[in-house]
Amino acid sequence: MMRAYMDAFGLVFGAFDFGLDADERPRMYECNPNGQCAFCGDTITEQIATALAGHLQHTGEAP
């Protein structure tokens, strides 16, 4: 479902928000252009930011 959403809008990155409804079924709320990773700690946040920047920099290039 997320891949189809991103493909439909031509996105290479999206930070999705999810939750559970009253019946405990998962629901997607929204897709944000940037995610908040501060709760992960500095070391992990830096690794996430570096990986994302590398991916965005090389998007569209042949592997």
C-alpha atoms as a PDB file:
ATOM      1  CA  MET A   1       0.000   0.000   0.000  1.00  0.00           C
ATOM      2  CA  MET A   2       2.792   2.486   0.859  1.00  0.00           C
ATOM      3  CA  ARG A   3       4.737   1.668  -2.313  1.00  0.00           C
ATOM      4  CA  ALA A   4       1.605   2.240  -4.442  1.00  0.00           C
ATOM      5  CA  TYR A   5       0.961   5.563  -2.675  1.00  0.00           C
ATOM      6  CA  MET A   6       4.533   6.732  -3.242  1.00  0.00           C
ATOM      7  CA  ASP A   7       4.522   5.582  -6.871  1.00  0.00           C
ATOM      8  CA  ALA A   8       1.220   7.361  -7.537  1.00  0.00           C
ATOM      9  CA  PHE A   9       2.712  10.661  -6.336  1.00  0.00           C
ATOM     10  CA  GLY A  10       6.225  10.127  -7.726  1.00  0.00           C
ATOM     11  CA  LEU A  11       7.811  10.092  -4.274  1.00  0.00           C
ATOM     12  CA  VAL A  12      11.152   8.497  -3.402  1.00  0.00           C
ATOM     13  CA  PHE A  13      10.727   9.109   0.338  1.00  0.00           C
ATOM     14  CA  GLY A  14       7.808   9.457   2.691  1.00  0.00           C
ATOM     15  CA  ALA A  15       7.481   9.400   6.472  1.00  0.00           C
ATOM     16  CA  PHE A  16       4.158   7.701   7.141  1.00  0.00           C
ATOM     17  CA  ASP A  17       2.106   8.084  10.319  1.00  0.00           C
ATOM     18  CA  PHE A  18       0.109   5.067  11.487  1.00  0.00           C
ATOM     19  CA  GLY A  19      -2.225   4.298  14.360  1.00  0.00           C
ATOM     20  CA  LEU A  20      -4.811   1.804  15.537  1.00  0.00           C
ATOM     21  CA  ASP A  21      -8.534   2.464  15.360  1.00  0.00           C
ATOM     22  CA  ALA A  22     -11.007   1.536  18.105  1.00  0.00           C
ATOM     23  CA  ASP A  23     -11.080  -2.046  16.814  1.00  0.00           C
ATOM     24  CA  GLU A  24      -7.266  -2.308  16.881  1.00  0.00           C
ATOM     25  CA  ARG A  25      -7.036  -2.211  13.070  1.00  0.00           C
ATOM     26  CA  PRO A  26      -4.012  -0.368  11.673  1.00  0.00           C
ATOM     27  CA  ARG A  27      -4.705   2.892   9.845  1.00  0.00           C
ATOM     28  CA  MET A  28      -2.479   5.171   7.791  1.00  0.00           C
ATOM     29  CA  TYR A  29      -3.001   8.813   8.723  1.00  0.00           C
ATOM     30  CA  GLU A  30      -0.663  10.736   6.455  1.00  0.00           C
ATOM     31  CA  CYS A  31       2.608  10.877   4.580  1.00  0.00           C
ATOM     32  CA  ASN A  32       5.051  13.614   5.574  1.00  0.00           C
ATOM     33  CA  PRO A  33       7.921  14.944   3.437  1.00  0.00           C
ATOM     34  CA  ASN A  34      10.334  14.651   6.357  1.00  0.00           C
ATOM     35  CA  GLY A  35      10.311  12.364   9.342  1.00  0.00           C
ATOM     36  CA  GLN A  36      11.151  13.038  12.941  1.00  0.00           C
ATOM     37  CA  CYS A  37      13.821  10.633  14.178  1.00  0.00           C
ATOM     38  CA  ALA A  38      14.937  12.549  17.276  1.00  0.00           C
ATOM     39  CA  PHE A  39      13.484   9.874  19.569  1.00  0.00           C
ATOM     40  CA  CYS A  40      16.091   7.431  18.195  1.00  0.00           C
ATOM     41  CA  GLY A  41      19.121   9.223  19.632  1.00  0.00           C
ATOM     42  CA  ASP A  42      21.886  11.154  17.885  1.00  0.00           C
ATOM     43  CA  THR A  43      23.874   8.201  16.544  1.00  0.00           C
ATOM     44  CA  ILE A  44      20.893   6.505  14.911  1.00  0.00           C
ATOM     45  CA  THR A  45      19.391   9.808  13.730  1.00  0.00           C
ATOM     46  CA  GLU A  46      22.670  10.649  11.976  1.00  0.00           C
ATOM     47  CA  GLN A  47      22.779   7.232  10.291  1.00  0.00           C
ATOM     48  CA  ILE A  48      19.177   7.619   9.090  1.00  0.00           C
ATOM     49  CA  ALA A  49      19.834  11.135   7.746  1.00  0.00           C
ATOM     50  CA  THR A  50      23.024  10.008   5.982  1.00  0.00           C
ATOM     51  CA  ALA A  51      21.324   7.003   4.360  1.00  0.00           C
ATOM     52  CA  LEU A  52      18.350   9.085   3.256  1.00  0.00           C
ATOM     53  CA  ALA A  53      20.547  11.833   1.810  1.00  0.00           C
ATOM     54  CA  GLY A  54      22.570   9.229  -0.104  1.00  0.00           C
ATOM     55  CA  HIS A  55      19.403   7.644  -1.483  1.00  0.00           C
ATOM     56  CA  LEU A  56      17.920  10.965  -2.562  1.00  0.00           C
ATOM     57  CA  GLN A  57      21.204  12.063  -4.132  1.00  0.00           C
ATOM     58  CA  HIS A  58      21.369   8.920  -6.305  1.00  0.00           C
ATOM     59  CA  THR A  59      17.681   8.466  -7.138  1.00  0.00           C
ATOM     60  CA  GLY A  60      17.137   7.847 -10.809  1.00  0.00           C
ATOM     61  CA  GLU A  61      20.624   6.471 -11.467  1.00  0.00           C
ATOM     62  CA  ALA A  62      21.032   2.925 -12.675  1.00  0.00           C
ATOM     63  CA  PRO A  63      22.209   0.540  -9.939  1.00  0.00           C
END
